[in-house]
N, C-alpha and C. Protein backbone atom coordinates (compact mmCIF):
# COMPACT_ATOMS: atom_id res chain seq x y z
N MET A 1 12.69 4.45 -5.03
CA MET A 1 12.36 4.41 -3.86
C MET A 1 12.59 5.61 -2.68
N PHE A 2 14.08 5.90 -2.83
CA PHE A 2 14.70 6.89 -1.84
C PHE A 2 15.23 8.14 -2.66
N LYS A 3 14.40 8.45 -3.86
CA LYS A 3 14.86 9.72 -4.50
C LYS A 3 14.66 10.86 -3.54
N LYS A 4 13.51 11.01 -2.79
CA LYS A 4 13.43 12.09 -1.79
C LYS A 4 13.08 11.49 -0.52
N PHE A 5 14.03 11.05 -0.19
CA PHE A 5 13.75 10.50 1.39
C PHE A 5 14.37 11.26 2.58
N SER A 6 13.33 11.64 3.45
CA SER A 6 13.82 12.18 4.36
C SER A 6 13.34 11.65 5.95
N PRO A 7 14.48 11.41 6.42
CA PRO A 7 14.00 10.53 7.96
C PRO A 7 13.06 11.43 8.79
N ALA A 8 13.18 12.69 8.96
CA ALA A 8 12.52 13.53 9.65
C ALA A 8 10.74 13.17 9.18
N THR A 9 10.45 13.40 7.78
CA THR A 9 9.29 13.26 7.48
C THR A 9 8.64 11.96 6.79
N ASP A 10 9.65 11.08 6.41
CA ASP A 10 9.06 9.86 5.82
C ASP A 10 9.08 8.60 6.55
N ILE A 11 9.51 8.59 7.98
CA ILE A 11 9.57 7.42 8.50
C ILE A 11 8.64 7.67 9.72
N ALA A 12 7.74 6.71 9.55
CA ALA A 12 6.48 6.27 10.36
C ALA A 12 6.77 5.87 11.74
N GLY A 13 7.74 5.19 11.98
CA GLY A 13 8.38 4.55 13.31
C GLY A 13 9.34 3.35 13.14
N HIS A 14 9.69 3.31 14.46
CA HIS A 14 10.81 2.27 14.49
C HIS A 14 10.20 1.12 15.33
N THR A 15 10.49 -0.38 15.03
CA THR A 15 9.79 -1.33 15.80
C THR A 15 10.85 -2.45 15.67
N PRO A 16 11.05 -2.90 17.46
CA PRO A 16 11.89 -4.12 17.21
C PRO A 16 11.43 -5.32 16.46
N VAL A 17 11.91 -5.86 15.78
CA VAL A 17 11.23 -7.31 14.90
C VAL A 17 11.83 -8.40 16.19
N LYS A 18 10.17 -9.03 16.32
CA LYS A 18 10.15 -10.33 17.08
C LYS A 18 11.37 -11.36 16.66
N THR A 19 11.89 -12.29 17.46
CA THR A 19 12.69 -13.33 17.11
C THR A 19 12.39 -14.22 16.22
N SER A 20 11.01 -14.72 16.27
CA SER A 20 10.36 -15.74 15.38
C SER A 20 10.36 -14.81 13.73
N VAL A 21 10.04 -13.76 13.89
CA VAL A 21 10.03 -13.18 12.45
C VAL A 21 11.60 -12.58 12.15
N GLN A 22 12.49 -12.48 12.59
CA GLN A 22 13.71 -12.52 12.41
C GLN A 22 14.38 -13.62 11.72
N ARG A 23 13.81 -14.76 12.31
CA ARG A 23 14.18 -16.24 12.00
C ARG A 23 13.63 -16.39 10.54
N GLN A 24 12.54 -15.92 10.14
CA GLN A 24 11.88 -15.96 8.84
C GLN A 24 12.65 -15.14 7.88
N ILE A 25 12.91 -13.97 8.27
CA ILE A 25 13.52 -12.90 7.47
C ILE A 25 14.98 -13.29 7.26
N ARG A 26 15.75 -13.92 8.03
CA ARG A 26 16.99 -14.44 8.09
C ARG A 26 16.78 -15.56 6.76
N ALA A 27 15.97 -16.42 6.89
CA ALA A 27 15.72 -17.79 5.84
C ALA A 27 15.49 -17.00 4.52
N ALA A 28 14.59 -16.04 4.42
CA ALA A 28 14.36 -15.42 3.33
C ALA A 28 15.51 -14.77 2.36
N VAL A 29 16.39 -14.10 3.28
CA VAL A 29 17.64 -13.28 2.83
C VAL A 29 18.57 -14.48 2.23
N LEU A 30 18.75 -15.68 3.04
CA LEU A 30 19.72 -16.65 2.66
C LEU A 30 19.02 -17.56 1.58
N SER A 31 17.86 -17.35 1.08
CA SER A 31 17.23 -18.10 -0.01
C SER A 31 17.37 -17.13 -1.21
N GLN A 32 17.37 -15.73 -1.14
CA GLN A 32 17.31 -14.89 -2.21
C GLN A 32 18.53 -14.57 -2.60
N TRP A 33 19.60 -14.23 -1.78
CA TRP A 33 20.75 -13.96 -2.11
C TRP A 33 21.90 -14.88 -2.01
N LYS A 34 23.11 -14.74 -2.66
CA LYS A 34 24.10 -15.63 -2.87
C LYS A 34 25.03 -15.49 -1.57
N ILE A 35 24.57 -15.74 -0.32
CA ILE A 35 25.10 -15.20 0.89
C ILE A 35 25.30 -16.47 1.82
N GLU A 36 26.61 -16.77 2.47
CA GLU A 36 26.63 -17.73 3.36
C GLU A 36 26.10 -17.36 4.59
N PRO A 37 25.83 -18.29 5.45
CA PRO A 37 25.18 -18.14 7.00
C PRO A 37 26.32 -17.31 7.65
N GLU A 38 27.66 -17.64 7.64
CA GLU A 38 28.62 -17.01 8.29
C GLU A 38 28.65 -15.36 7.83
N THR A 39 28.70 -15.18 6.56
CA THR A 39 28.62 -13.86 6.21
C THR A 39 27.41 -12.91 6.65
N LEU A 40 26.25 -13.64 6.75
CA LEU A 40 25.09 -13.01 7.09
C LEU A 40 25.29 -12.70 8.69
N GLU A 41 25.92 -13.62 9.24
CA GLU A 41 26.14 -13.56 10.85
C GLU A 41 27.07 -12.40 11.10
N ALA A 42 27.94 -12.12 10.20
CA ALA A 42 28.83 -10.96 10.32
C ALA A 42 28.22 -9.71 10.17
N VAL A 43 27.25 -9.63 9.04
CA VAL A 43 26.43 -8.35 8.97
C VAL A 43 25.42 -8.34 9.86
N TRP A 44 24.82 -9.31 10.39
CA TRP A 44 23.61 -9.19 11.34
C TRP A 44 23.84 -10.35 12.33
N PRO A 45 24.47 -10.24 13.24
CA PRO A 45 24.65 -11.05 14.38
C PRO A 45 23.29 -11.58 15.04
N LYS A 46 23.14 -12.79 15.40
CA LYS A 46 21.99 -13.15 15.92
C LYS A 46 21.71 -12.60 17.30
N LYS A 47 22.58 -12.22 17.88
CA LYS A 47 22.59 -11.61 19.43
C LYS A 47 22.20 -10.05 19.11
N GLU A 48 22.38 -9.68 17.90
CA GLU A 48 21.89 -8.11 17.72
C GLU A 48 20.36 -8.09 17.38
N GLY A 49 19.63 -7.36 17.73
CA GLY A 49 18.33 -7.02 17.45
C GLY A 49 18.07 -6.20 16.15
N LEU A 50 17.31 -6.66 15.43
CA LEU A 50 16.91 -6.10 14.07
C LEU A 50 15.58 -5.19 14.33
N VAL A 51 15.86 -4.01 13.71
CA VAL A 51 14.94 -2.74 13.88
C VAL A 51 14.11 -2.60 12.43
N HIS A 52 12.72 -2.67 12.51
CA HIS A 52 11.94 -2.50 11.39
C HIS A 52 11.74 -0.96 11.41
N VAL A 53 11.98 -0.13 10.35
CA VAL A 53 11.92 1.09 10.30
C VAL A 53 10.83 1.29 9.09
N LYS A 54 9.63 1.72 9.66
CA LYS A 54 8.48 1.92 8.51
C LYS A 54 8.44 3.20 7.98
N CYS A 55 8.57 3.31 6.70
CA CYS A 55 8.70 4.29 5.78
C CYS A 55 7.46 4.68 4.89
N ARG A 56 7.38 5.68 4.06
CA ARG A 56 6.51 6.09 3.20
C ARG A 56 6.25 5.20 2.16
N GLU A 57 5.26 4.97 1.44
CA GLU A 57 4.98 4.24 0.24
C GLU A 57 5.25 2.87 0.36
N HIS A 58 5.14 2.15 1.70
CA HIS A 58 5.11 0.73 2.01
C HIS A 58 6.48 0.25 2.05
N VAL A 59 7.57 1.18 2.26
CA VAL A 59 8.93 0.82 1.93
C VAL A 59 9.18 0.26 3.51
N SER A 60 10.17 -0.70 3.73
CA SER A 60 10.71 -1.18 5.16
C SER A 60 11.97 -1.09 5.05
N VAL A 61 12.81 -0.37 5.82
CA VAL A 61 14.07 -0.56 6.31
C VAL A 61 14.50 -1.31 7.32
N TYR A 62 15.33 -2.16 7.31
CA TYR A 62 15.69 -3.22 8.38
C TYR A 62 17.30 -2.65 8.78
N THR A 63 17.38 -2.27 9.92
CA THR A 63 18.48 -1.65 10.63
C THR A 63 19.11 -2.68 11.70
N VAL A 64 20.32 -2.51 11.79
CA VAL A 64 21.08 -3.34 12.96
C VAL A 64 22.09 -2.29 13.53
N ASN A 65 21.91 -1.92 14.83
CA ASN A 65 22.61 -0.68 15.35
C ASN A 65 22.26 0.56 14.51
N SER A 66 21.01 0.75 14.13
CA SER A 66 20.68 1.90 13.65
C SER A 66 21.30 1.97 12.27
N GLU A 67 22.33 1.08 11.69
CA GLU A 67 22.62 1.08 10.22
C GLU A 67 21.91 0.37 9.45
N PRO A 68 21.41 1.09 8.18
CA PRO A 68 20.58 0.27 7.39
C PRO A 68 21.25 -0.87 6.67
N VAL A 69 20.61 -2.12 6.57
CA VAL A 69 21.18 -3.26 6.05
C VAL A 69 20.62 -3.77 4.96
N PHE A 70 19.25 -3.87 4.87
CA PHE A 70 18.37 -4.07 3.78
C PHE A 70 17.20 -3.46 3.83
N PHE A 71 16.33 -3.56 2.71
CA PHE A 71 15.09 -3.00 2.71
C PHE A 71 14.08 -3.59 1.59
N GLN A 72 12.97 -3.47 1.80
CA GLN A 72 11.90 -4.14 1.14
C GLN A 72 10.74 -3.34 0.82
N HIS A 73 10.09 -3.43 -0.21
CA HIS A 73 8.92 -2.84 -0.79
C HIS A 73 7.70 -3.80 -0.81
N PHE A 74 6.77 -3.51 -0.01
CA PHE A 74 5.44 -4.02 0.45
C PHE A 74 5.95 -5.66 0.81
N ASP A 75 5.62 -6.79 0.29
CA ASP A 75 5.97 -7.91 0.81
C ASP A 75 7.01 -8.64 -0.23
N GLY A 76 7.80 -7.75 -1.06
CA GLY A 76 8.67 -8.18 -2.16
C GLY A 76 9.66 -8.65 -1.61
N PRO A 77 10.73 -8.73 -2.48
CA PRO A 77 12.19 -9.49 -2.10
C PRO A 77 12.88 -8.16 -1.25
N PHE A 78 13.95 -8.87 -0.54
CA PHE A 78 14.75 -7.94 0.15
C PHE A 78 15.92 -7.57 -0.77
N TYR A 79 16.32 -6.22 -0.56
CA TYR A 79 17.16 -5.32 -1.27
C TYR A 79 18.20 -5.32 -0.27
N PRO A 80 19.57 -5.40 -0.79
CA PRO A 80 20.68 -5.13 0.18
C PRO A 80 20.94 -3.56 -0.01
N THR A 81 21.37 -2.81 0.82
CA THR A 81 21.66 -1.52 0.74
C THR A 81 23.08 -1.30 -0.02
N LEU A 82 23.34 -0.27 -0.66
CA LEU A 82 24.48 -0.05 -1.52
C LEU A 82 25.88 -0.47 -0.73
N ARG A 83 25.90 0.20 0.63
CA ARG A 83 26.95 -0.01 1.28
C ARG A 83 27.49 -1.45 1.69
N LEU A 84 26.24 -2.12 2.10
CA LEU A 84 26.39 -3.68 2.19
C LEU A 84 26.91 -4.34 0.99
N LEU A 85 26.24 -4.03 -0.11
CA LEU A 85 26.84 -4.51 -1.26
C LEU A 85 28.32 -4.17 -1.57
N HIS A 86 28.70 -3.14 -1.45
CA HIS A 86 30.06 -2.86 -1.57
C HIS A 86 30.91 -3.56 -0.71
N LYS A 87 30.62 -3.94 0.76
CA LYS A 87 31.31 -4.63 1.29
C LYS A 87 31.48 -6.18 1.11
N TYR A 88 30.15 -6.79 0.55
CA TYR A 88 29.95 -8.13 0.02
C TYR A 88 29.45 -7.97 -1.53
N PRO A 89 30.41 -7.86 -2.65
CA PRO A 89 29.84 -7.66 -3.90
C PRO A 89 29.16 -8.77 -4.59
N TYR A 90 29.45 -10.00 -3.96
CA TYR A 90 29.30 -11.25 -4.57
C TYR A 90 27.76 -11.59 -4.32
N ILE A 91 27.01 -10.90 -3.33
CA ILE A 91 25.74 -11.65 -2.95
C ILE A 91 24.80 -11.65 -3.79
N LEU A 92 24.85 -10.60 -5.05
CA LEU A 92 23.82 -10.45 -5.88
C LEU A 92 24.32 -10.74 -7.28
N PRO A 93 23.73 -11.27 -8.35
CA PRO A 93 24.03 -11.22 -9.52
C PRO A 93 24.12 -9.88 -10.15
N LYS A 94 25.06 -9.75 -11.25
CA LYS A 94 25.36 -8.68 -11.68
C LYS A 94 25.24 -8.63 -13.28
N VAL A 95 24.77 -6.99 -13.37
CA VAL A 95 24.40 -6.73 -14.68
C VAL A 95 25.36 -5.26 -14.99
N GLN A 96 25.54 -5.02 -16.04
CA GLN A 96 26.43 -3.68 -16.13
C GLN A 96 26.00 -2.89 -17.27
N VAL A 97 25.67 -1.59 -17.23
CA VAL A 97 25.09 -0.69 -18.01
C VAL A 97 26.43 -0.04 -18.88
N ASP A 98 26.12 0.52 -19.93
CA ASP A 98 27.30 1.33 -20.67
C ASP A 98 27.33 2.63 -20.15
N ARG A 99 28.35 3.39 -20.29
CA ARG A 99 28.58 4.71 -20.01
C ARG A 99 27.37 5.61 -20.37
N GLY A 100 26.71 5.78 -21.33
CA GLY A 100 25.68 6.57 -21.52
C GLY A 100 24.48 6.18 -20.72
N ALA A 101 24.36 5.24 -20.05
CA ALA A 101 23.32 4.99 -19.12
C ALA A 101 23.65 5.47 -17.63
N ILE A 102 24.82 5.58 -17.39
CA ILE A 102 25.19 6.15 -16.02
C ILE A 102 24.56 7.22 -15.59
N ARG A 103 24.45 8.36 -16.31
CA ARG A 103 23.95 9.68 -15.61
C ARG A 103 22.51 9.35 -15.41
N PHE A 104 21.84 8.59 -16.32
CA PHE A 104 20.29 8.47 -15.97
C PHE A 104 20.19 7.45 -14.70
N LEU A 105 20.99 6.60 -14.38
CA LEU A 105 20.96 5.62 -13.22
C LEU A 105 21.20 6.54 -12.04
N LEU A 106 22.20 7.29 -12.08
CA LEU A 106 22.56 8.19 -11.06
C LEU A 106 21.41 9.32 -10.69
N ALA A 107 20.52 9.53 -11.54
CA ALA A 107 19.26 10.41 -11.48
C ALA A 107 18.00 9.52 -10.94
N GLY A 108 18.32 8.15 -10.90
CA GLY A 108 17.09 7.46 -10.53
C GLY A 108 16.25 6.62 -11.34
N ALA A 109 16.83 6.94 -12.87
CA ALA A 109 15.93 6.23 -13.89
C ALA A 109 16.07 4.81 -13.78
N HIS A 110 15.20 3.85 -14.53
CA HIS A 110 15.46 2.72 -14.45
C HIS A 110 16.01 2.36 -15.70
N MET A 111 16.65 1.05 -15.79
CA MET A 111 17.54 0.74 -16.87
C MET A 111 16.82 0.03 -17.91
N MET A 112 17.21 0.49 -19.20
CA MET A 112 16.55 0.01 -20.31
C MET A 112 17.20 -0.93 -20.99
N CYS A 113 16.71 -1.99 -21.59
CA CYS A 113 17.45 -2.78 -22.35
C CYS A 113 18.80 -2.24 -23.31
N PRO A 114 18.69 -1.40 -24.11
CA PRO A 114 19.70 -1.04 -24.88
C PRO A 114 20.97 -0.59 -24.15
N GLY A 115 20.72 -0.24 -22.76
CA GLY A 115 21.86 0.43 -21.92
C GLY A 115 22.72 -0.94 -21.38
N LEU A 116 21.98 -2.03 -21.65
CA LEU A 116 22.55 -3.32 -20.90
C LEU A 116 23.12 -4.32 -22.00
N THR A 117 22.40 -4.13 -23.29
CA THR A 117 23.15 -4.80 -24.57
C THR A 117 23.90 -4.31 -25.46
N SER A 118 24.17 -3.08 -25.30
CA SER A 118 24.94 -2.22 -26.17
C SER A 118 26.54 -2.46 -25.76
N GLN A 119 27.38 -1.89 -26.47
CA GLN A 119 28.76 -2.11 -26.42
C GLN A 119 29.13 -1.29 -25.14
N GLY A 120 29.92 -1.92 -24.13
CA GLY A 120 29.95 -1.26 -22.75
C GLY A 120 29.12 -2.01 -21.79
N GLY A 121 28.01 -2.74 -22.24
CA GLY A 121 26.99 -3.05 -21.13
C GLY A 121 27.34 -4.71 -20.97
N ARG A 122 26.98 -5.23 -20.02
CA ARG A 122 27.18 -6.76 -20.17
C ARG A 122 26.10 -7.48 -19.16
N LEU A 123 25.73 -8.72 -19.88
CA LEU A 123 24.69 -9.46 -19.30
C LEU A 123 25.29 -10.93 -19.03
N PRO A 124 24.97 -11.74 -18.06
CA PRO A 124 25.69 -12.85 -17.86
C PRO A 124 25.48 -13.94 -19.25
N PRO A 125 26.17 -14.69 -19.39
CA PRO A 125 26.06 -15.70 -20.38
C PRO A 125 24.68 -16.49 -20.14
N ALA A 126 24.40 -17.26 -21.35
CA ALA A 126 23.03 -17.95 -21.11
C ALA A 126 22.89 -19.06 -20.21
N GLU A 127 24.07 -19.75 -20.00
CA GLU A 127 24.14 -20.76 -18.81
C GLU A 127 24.01 -20.07 -17.40
N GLU A 128 24.13 -18.71 -17.31
CA GLU A 128 24.09 -18.06 -16.13
C GLU A 128 22.92 -17.04 -15.95
N ALA A 129 21.85 -17.43 -16.76
CA ALA A 129 20.99 -16.22 -17.17
C ALA A 129 20.30 -15.85 -15.91
N ILE A 130 19.82 -14.83 -15.80
CA ILE A 130 18.88 -14.30 -14.58
C ILE A 130 17.56 -14.28 -15.10
N PRO A 131 16.66 -14.80 -14.08
CA PRO A 131 15.10 -14.67 -14.31
C PRO A 131 14.82 -13.35 -14.18
N ALA A 132 13.40 -13.14 -14.51
CA ALA A 132 12.68 -12.06 -14.22
C ALA A 132 12.17 -11.94 -12.72
N GLU A 133 12.17 -10.63 -12.14
CA GLU A 133 11.82 -10.42 -10.84
C GLU A 133 12.92 -10.88 -9.72
N GLN A 134 14.14 -10.67 -10.06
CA GLN A 134 15.11 -11.04 -9.47
C GLN A 134 16.08 -9.79 -9.30
N VAL A 135 16.37 -9.55 -7.80
CA VAL A 135 17.24 -8.58 -7.49
C VAL A 135 18.81 -8.47 -8.05
N VAL A 136 19.14 -7.59 -8.53
CA VAL A 136 20.57 -7.71 -9.23
C VAL A 136 21.35 -6.34 -8.64
N ALA A 137 22.64 -6.43 -8.81
CA ALA A 137 23.51 -5.28 -8.63
C ALA A 137 23.78 -4.73 -10.01
N ILE A 138 23.51 -3.43 -10.01
CA ILE A 138 23.83 -2.70 -11.25
C ILE A 138 25.10 -2.22 -11.42
N HIS A 139 26.08 -2.33 -12.01
CA HIS A 139 27.48 -2.11 -12.19
C HIS A 139 27.51 -1.10 -13.34
N ALA A 140 28.47 -0.21 -13.53
CA ALA A 140 28.37 0.85 -14.30
C ALA A 140 30.01 0.48 -15.13
N GLU A 141 30.08 0.59 -16.67
CA GLU A 141 31.22 0.36 -17.29
C GLU A 141 32.48 1.21 -16.60
N ASN A 142 33.55 0.26 -16.60
CA ASN A 142 34.86 0.69 -16.05
C ASN A 142 34.77 1.18 -14.42
N LYS A 143 33.73 0.94 -13.87
CA LYS A 143 33.59 1.22 -12.24
C LYS A 143 33.57 -0.21 -11.50
N GLU A 144 34.51 -0.23 -10.44
CA GLU A 144 34.63 -1.55 -9.56
C GLU A 144 33.25 -1.79 -8.78
N HIS A 145 32.83 -0.83 -8.08
CA HIS A 145 31.54 -1.16 -7.02
C HIS A 145 30.18 -0.96 -7.82
N ALA A 146 29.28 -1.55 -7.44
CA ALA A 146 27.93 -1.35 -7.82
C ALA A 146 27.57 0.08 -7.79
N VAL A 147 26.67 0.43 -8.55
CA VAL A 147 26.25 2.03 -8.54
C VAL A 147 24.71 1.99 -8.31
N GLY A 148 24.15 0.67 -8.37
CA GLY A 148 22.68 0.49 -8.24
C GLY A 148 22.14 -0.83 -7.86
N VAL A 149 20.77 -0.70 -7.25
CA VAL A 149 20.26 -2.25 -6.93
C VAL A 149 18.78 -1.96 -7.64
N GLY A 150 18.56 -3.14 -8.17
CA GLY A 150 17.39 -3.25 -8.79
C GLY A 150 16.82 -4.51 -8.99
N LEU A 151 15.62 -4.54 -9.65
CA LEU A 151 14.84 -5.73 -9.84
C LEU A 151 14.53 -6.03 -11.28
N THR A 152 14.92 -7.09 -11.91
CA THR A 152 14.79 -7.31 -13.10
C THR A 152 13.29 -7.43 -13.74
N LYS A 153 12.92 -6.78 -14.71
CA LYS A 153 11.52 -6.69 -15.33
C LYS A 153 11.58 -7.95 -16.31
N LEU A 154 12.75 -8.52 -16.90
CA LEU A 154 12.79 -9.41 -17.96
C LEU A 154 13.79 -10.19 -17.44
N SER A 155 13.68 -11.22 -17.98
CA SER A 155 14.85 -12.30 -17.85
C SER A 155 15.97 -11.94 -18.87
N THR A 156 17.26 -12.04 -18.62
CA THR A 156 18.41 -11.59 -19.31
C THR A 156 18.44 -12.05 -20.85
N GLU A 157 17.92 -13.43 -20.89
CA GLU A 157 17.73 -13.84 -22.32
C GLU A 157 16.88 -13.09 -22.99
N ASP A 158 15.53 -12.71 -22.45
CA ASP A 158 14.78 -11.72 -23.12
C ASP A 158 15.06 -10.34 -23.35
N MET A 159 16.04 -9.82 -22.49
CA MET A 159 16.50 -8.63 -22.75
C MET A 159 17.44 -8.60 -23.95
N LYS A 160 18.22 -9.67 -24.17
CA LYS A 160 19.00 -9.68 -25.23
C LYS A 160 18.18 -10.03 -26.92
N LYS A 161 17.05 -10.44 -26.50
CA LYS A 161 16.18 -10.91 -27.62
C LYS A 161 15.20 -9.50 -28.09
N ILE A 162 14.61 -9.11 -27.13
CA ILE A 162 13.69 -8.06 -27.32
C ILE A 162 14.40 -6.49 -27.64
N ASN A 163 15.58 -6.36 -26.63
CA ASN A 163 16.31 -5.22 -26.59
C ASN A 163 15.43 -3.84 -26.55
N LYS A 164 14.19 -3.73 -25.87
CA LYS A 164 13.36 -2.82 -25.91
C LYS A 164 12.79 -2.64 -24.32
N GLY A 165 12.46 -1.35 -23.91
CA GLY A 165 11.76 -1.32 -22.80
C GLY A 165 12.67 -1.27 -21.54
N VAL A 166 11.97 -1.31 -20.26
CA VAL A 166 12.55 -1.45 -18.98
C VAL A 166 13.16 -2.58 -18.90
N ALA A 167 14.35 -2.83 -18.35
CA ALA A 167 14.99 -4.21 -18.17
C ALA A 167 15.24 -4.51 -16.58
N VAL A 168 15.67 -3.32 -16.13
CA VAL A 168 15.75 -3.33 -14.48
C VAL A 168 15.15 -1.83 -13.84
N GLU A 169 14.26 -2.36 -13.02
CA GLU A 169 13.70 -1.23 -12.10
C GLU A 169 14.60 -0.84 -10.99
N THR A 170 15.03 0.33 -10.93
CA THR A 170 16.13 0.78 -9.94
C THR A 170 15.17 0.98 -8.76
N ALA A 171 15.85 0.20 -7.60
CA ALA A 171 15.35 0.69 -6.26
C ALA A 171 16.09 1.55 -5.49
N ALA A 172 17.54 1.53 -5.60
CA ALA A 172 18.36 2.34 -4.92
C ALA A 172 19.59 2.55 -5.73
N TYR A 173 20.22 3.74 -5.55
CA TYR A 173 21.35 4.23 -6.40
C TYR A 173 22.13 4.91 -5.60
N LEU A 174 23.43 5.11 -6.16
CA LEU A 174 24.52 5.72 -5.73
C LEU A 174 24.04 7.11 -5.57
N GLY A 175 24.15 7.86 -4.31
CA GLY A 175 23.73 9.26 -4.19
C GLY A 175 22.36 9.33 -3.95
N ASP A 176 21.44 8.46 -3.88
CA ASP A 176 20.01 8.63 -3.22
C ASP A 176 20.19 9.05 -1.71
N ASP A 177 18.83 9.21 -1.35
CA ASP A 177 18.80 9.82 -0.03
C ASP A 177 19.09 8.60 1.18
N LEU A 178 18.87 7.30 0.65
CA LEU A 178 19.23 6.28 1.82
C LEU A 178 20.80 6.19 1.51
N TRP A 179 21.50 6.38 0.52
CA TRP A 179 22.85 6.35 0.65
C TRP A 179 23.42 7.50 1.61
N ALA A 180 22.70 8.70 1.58
CA ALA A 180 23.13 9.74 2.30
C ALA A 180 22.95 9.78 3.77
N HIS A 181 21.97 8.77 4.07
CA HIS A 181 21.83 8.52 5.63
C HIS A 181 22.44 7.29 6.11
N GLN A 182 23.67 7.47 6.82
CA GLN A 182 24.33 6.44 7.33
C GLN A 182 23.69 5.71 8.53
N LYS A 183 22.81 6.20 9.20
CA LYS A 183 22.28 5.78 10.56
C LYS A 183 20.66 6.44 10.50
N LEU A 184 19.60 5.63 10.94
CA LEU A 184 18.25 5.81 10.91
C LEU A 184 17.62 5.93 12.16
C-alpha cells in the first residue's frame, strides 16, 4: 500500500474526524486488536482529535498530532502502523517468516505459505489458530520487532495443510514510505 507513497502527491486532504465517528473507530479498534482501553487511551487520548488523511487508492491514514497511528484500506480492518506495533507488540497475533523470505518482505511482497511453514517460520498452534482475513504482525526469524503488518488470506491451519500460495497479504513493511514519514 505504501510502496511509492509521497505526501506531496498522494494525499488528497486532511479532515478532522467527528466525535461520533471517533467513538465508532475506537470501538472497532478495540474489537479488532488485543488492546486494552487504557493502552488505546495512551496512544490516542480522547481529548486529542483524530485527523483522517485521505490518500490515493482509497487508503485512509488516521493521525494524532500529525503522527500516523493506524490506517485502513476502503472499509476494511484497521492496521496499526509499524511504529505503534513496535511500542505495543502484543496488540496483534504474530506469524514469523524464515530468513529466505525477509528480503522479499522488505521489498513489499506478500508472504507465501512456504515462508511461514518451513524451518525458521512459525505459525501459532492449533488452539490459537488465526482465521482468514485477520490483521497480523509479521515477524522475521531471529528479529525482535515486527517487520511488517498484513492480512491473512488463509487460516493458519489451512496454511499448514495447503502450503501453497499467498498466506499473508502485506499492507506495510519496514522501510516503506509510511515508515519513512513520521509526520503527515
